[in-house]
Protein backbone atom coordinates (compact mmCIF):
# COMPACT_ATOMS: atom_id res chain seq x y z
CA UNK A 1 117.27 101.32 109.34
CA UNK A 2 116.07 102.41 105.94
CA UNK A 3 112.37 102.64 105.42
CA UNK A 4 110.73 99.83 103.48
CA UNK A 5 109.87 102.10 100.52
CA UNK A 6 113.47 103.23 100.17
CA UNK A 7 114.61 99.59 100.33
CA UNK A 8 112.09 98.61 97.65
CA UNK A 9 113.24 101.46 95.39
CA UNK A 10 116.87 100.45 95.98
CA UNK A 11 116.09 96.89 94.87
CA UNK A 12 114.58 98.33 91.68
CA UNK A 13 117.67 100.49 91.16
CA UNK A 14 119.89 97.42 91.54
CA UNK A 15 117.87 95.62 88.86
CA UNK A 16 117.54 98.50 86.39
CA UNK A 17 121.21 99.49 86.77
CA UNK A 18 122.08 96.45 84.63
CA UNK A 19 119.37 96.96 82.00
CA UNK A 20 120.51 98.77 78.83
CA UNK A 21 117.07 99.79 77.52
CA UNK A 22 116.29 102.83 79.65
CA UNK A 23 118.19 105.09 82.06
CA UNK A 24 117.87 103.42 85.48
CA UNK A 25 116.39 106.41 87.33
CA UNK A 26 113.64 106.77 84.73
CA UNK A 27 112.96 103.03 84.80
CA UNK A 28 112.66 103.04 88.60
CA UNK A 29 110.32 106.02 88.45
CA UNK A 30 108.18 104.42 85.73
CA UNK A 31 107.80 101.27 87.82
CA UNK A 32 106.89 103.29 90.92
CA UNK A 33 104.42 105.45 88.96
CA UNK A 34 102.75 102.35 87.49
CA UNK A 35 102.79 100.09 90.55
CA UNK A 36 102.74 102.09 93.77
CA UNK A 37 99.65 103.58 95.35
CA UNK A 38 99.35 107.36 95.64
CA UNK A 39 100.02 107.09 99.40
CA UNK A 40 103.19 105.07 98.81
CA UNK A 41 104.44 107.65 96.29
CA UNK A 42 103.60 110.49 98.68
CA UNK A 43 105.44 108.81 101.58
CA UNK A 44 108.44 107.97 99.40
CA UNK A 45 108.75 111.51 98.04
CA UNK A 46 108.43 112.93 101.56
CA UNK A 47 111.25 110.68 102.76
CA UNK A 48 113.51 111.71 99.88
CA UNK A 49 112.68 115.39 100.45
CA UNK A 50 113.52 114.98 104.14
CA UNK A 51 116.99 113.75 103.19
CA UNK A 52 116.61 110.01 103.66
CA UNK A 53 119.75 108.08 102.80
CA UNK A 54 119.23 106.55 99.37
CA UNK A 55 121.06 105.18 96.35
CA UNK A 56 121.89 107.95 93.84
CA UNK A 57 119.62 106.28 91.25
CA UNK A 58 116.75 106.32 93.76
CA UNK A 59 117.37 110.02 94.47
CA UNK A 60 117.42 110.79 90.73
CA UNK A 61 114.24 108.74 90.20
CA UNK A 62 112.34 110.97 92.63
CA UNK A 63 112.34 113.80 90.08
CA UNK A 64 110.45 111.57 87.61
CA UNK A 65 107.83 110.27 90.06
CA UNK A 66 104.34 111.71 89.70
CA UNK A 67 103.21 113.17 93.01
CA UNK A 68 99.69 112.07 93.96
CA UNK A 69 96.91 114.47 93.14
CA UNK A 70 95.39 116.45 95.98
CA UNK A 71 91.63 115.92 96.32
CA UNK A 72 90.93 119.50 95.18
CA UNK A 73 92.87 118.87 91.93
CA UNK A 74 90.46 116.17 90.70
């Protein structure tokens, strides 16, 4: 079964796929960057990097998602 974060991102992809204003991958990433906690973004990016099965828009969105800052980067 897909992880909850991948499912959530897929639901966003389904929505933004039909919106003409912005490329869907960038819209998904913007929503994730604005709404998800750093830990959620970290977990999501780790899953994508590990090869989790995901919608192509979700995979493309990963390249636009801001990775959380490491404590030493503050």
